[in-house]
Amino acid sequence: MRGYVAAAGAALLLLAGCSSEPSEAEQRAADCEAFAAETPGTLERSWAHAMWRDPDSTEDERVAAAKALARETNGDKRDHPYNCDWPAYQALFSYYRDLRAE
C-alpha cells in the first residue's frame, strides 16, 4: 500500500512540475529572441500604422508615429537588431509582446 501512495505522490509532483505554460522569465526570453530576429524597421512601421488607425491614440502618439514613418522612408533606417534590454526599445518591445499575445 505504501508503494502505491508513494507512486501516486510522485505522479502528482511530476504533473504539477510539468506545466504547459512557460514561466514569465521563459516567455520574456523567447519574446526577446524573436524580437531580435525581426527585420529592423518593421515594428516601427507596424506601430506607426496602428497609431494612425487607432481613434483613441493621442496627438503625441500620432506625431511620434509620423516621425517614425518619416525616418523609415527618408533612408534613416536602422541597421542593427532590436534588443529588448535597451531602454530605447522598451515601448516597442511592449508593443511587440502585445502583438505576439493576440
Protein backbone atom coordinates (compact mmCIF):
# COMPACT_ATOMS: atom_id res chain seq x y z
CA MET A 1 0.00 0.00 0.00
CA ARG A 2 2.85 2.40 0.82
CA GLY A 3 4.25 1.85 -2.68
CA TYR A 4 1.00 2.98 -4.26
CA VAL A 5 0.82 6.09 -2.09
CA ALA A 6 4.44 6.98 -2.89
CA ALA A 7 3.86 6.38 -6.61
CA ALA A 8 0.71 8.48 -6.58
CA GLY A 9 2.52 11.27 -4.73
CA ALA A 10 5.40 11.15 -7.20
CA ALA A 11 2.97 11.27 -10.12
CA LEU A 12 1.25 14.33 -8.65
CA LEU A 13 4.58 16.08 -8.20
CA LEU A 14 5.53 15.32 -11.79
CA LEU A 15 2.19 16.60 -13.08
CA ALA A 16 2.48 19.78 -11.03
CA GLY A 17 6.02 20.38 -12.30
CA CYS A 18 5.16 19.71 -15.94
CA SER A 19 3.04 22.74 -16.62
CA SER A 20 2.50 23.50 -20.28
CA GLU A 21 2.69 27.24 -19.63
CA PRO A 22 6.19 28.76 -19.64
CA SER A 23 7.23 30.95 -16.73
CA GLU A 24 7.28 34.73 -17.21
CA ALA A 25 11.08 34.64 -17.45
CA GLU A 26 10.97 31.88 -20.09
CA GLN A 27 8.30 33.75 -22.06
CA ARG A 28 10.25 37.01 -21.90
CA ALA A 29 13.41 35.23 -23.08
CA ALA A 30 11.52 33.69 -26.01
CA ASP A 31 9.98 37.07 -26.86
CA CYS A 32 13.41 38.76 -26.67
CA GLU A 33 14.87 36.21 -29.06
CA ALA A 34 12.01 36.63 -31.52
CA PHE A 35 12.18 40.44 -31.14
CA ALA A 36 15.88 40.41 -32.07
CA ALA A 37 15.10 38.30 -35.16
CA GLU A 38 12.65 40.86 -36.59
CA THR A 39 13.83 42.86 -39.57
CA PRO A 40 14.95 46.32 -38.34
CA GLY A 41 12.30 48.93 -39.05
CA THR A 42 9.31 46.61 -39.44
CA LEU A 43 8.00 47.13 -35.94
CA GLU A 44 8.30 50.91 -36.14
CA ARG A 45 6.18 50.91 -39.30
CA SER A 46 3.66 48.49 -37.79
CA TRP A 47 3.39 50.57 -34.62
CA ALA A 48 3.08 53.83 -36.58
CA HIS A 49 0.26 52.46 -38.73
CA ALA A 50 -1.50 51.13 -35.62
CA MET A 51 -1.32 54.59 -34.02
CA TRP A 52 -2.87 56.20 -37.09
CA ARG A 53 -5.66 53.60 -37.24
CA ASP A 54 -6.47 53.84 -33.52
CA PRO A 55 -9.09 56.55 -32.90
CA ASP A 56 -8.03 56.66 -29.24
CA SER A 57 -4.37 57.47 -29.92
CA THR A 58 -3.18 60.79 -28.59
CA GLU A 59 -1.82 63.67 -30.62
CA ASP A 60 1.68 62.95 -29.23
CA GLU A 61 1.43 59.30 -30.34
CA ARG A 62 0.37 60.37 -33.83
CA VAL A 63 3.26 62.85 -34.07
CA ALA A 64 5.71 60.17 -32.91
CA ALA A 65 4.22 57.78 -35.47
CA ALA A 66 4.62 60.32 -38.26
CA LYS A 67 8.25 60.91 -37.26
CA ALA A 68 8.93 57.15 -37.20
CA LEU A 69 7.47 56.75 -40.68
CA ALA A 70 9.42 59.75 -41.96
CA ARG A 71 12.69 58.30 -40.65
CA GLU A 72 12.00 54.98 -42.34
CA THR A 73 11.04 56.48 -45.69
CA ASN A 74 13.85 59.07 -45.77
CA GLY A 75 16.59 56.47 -45.66
CA ASP A 76 17.37 56.83 -41.96
CA LYS A 77 16.75 53.13 -41.43
CA ARG A 78 18.18 51.23 -38.50
CA ASP A 79 20.84 48.68 -39.36
CA HIS A 80 21.12 46.86 -36.04
CA PRO A 81 18.83 44.25 -34.49
CA TYR A 82 16.22 45.02 -31.88
CA ASN A 83 17.34 44.49 -28.28
CA CYS A 84 14.70 44.04 -25.60
CA ASP A 85 17.11 45.16 -22.87
CA TRP A 86 17.86 48.59 -24.37
CA PRO A 87 15.80 51.34 -22.71
CA ALA A 88 15.12 52.97 -26.09
CA TYR A 89 13.27 49.83 -27.23
CA GLN A 90 11.15 49.20 -24.12
CA ALA A 91 7.95 50.67 -25.57
CA LEU A 92 8.49 48.89 -28.88
CA PHE A 93 9.19 45.60 -27.08
CA SER A 94 5.98 46.00 -25.09
CA TYR A 95 4.09 46.64 -28.34
CA TYR A 96 5.74 43.54 -29.86
CA ARG A 97 4.76 41.35 -26.90
CA ASP A 98 1.17 42.58 -27.21
CA LEU A 99 1.21 41.61 -30.90
CA ARG A 100 2.51 38.13 -30.08
CA ALA A 101 -0.15 37.66 -27.41
CA GLU A 102 -3.02 38.31 -29.84
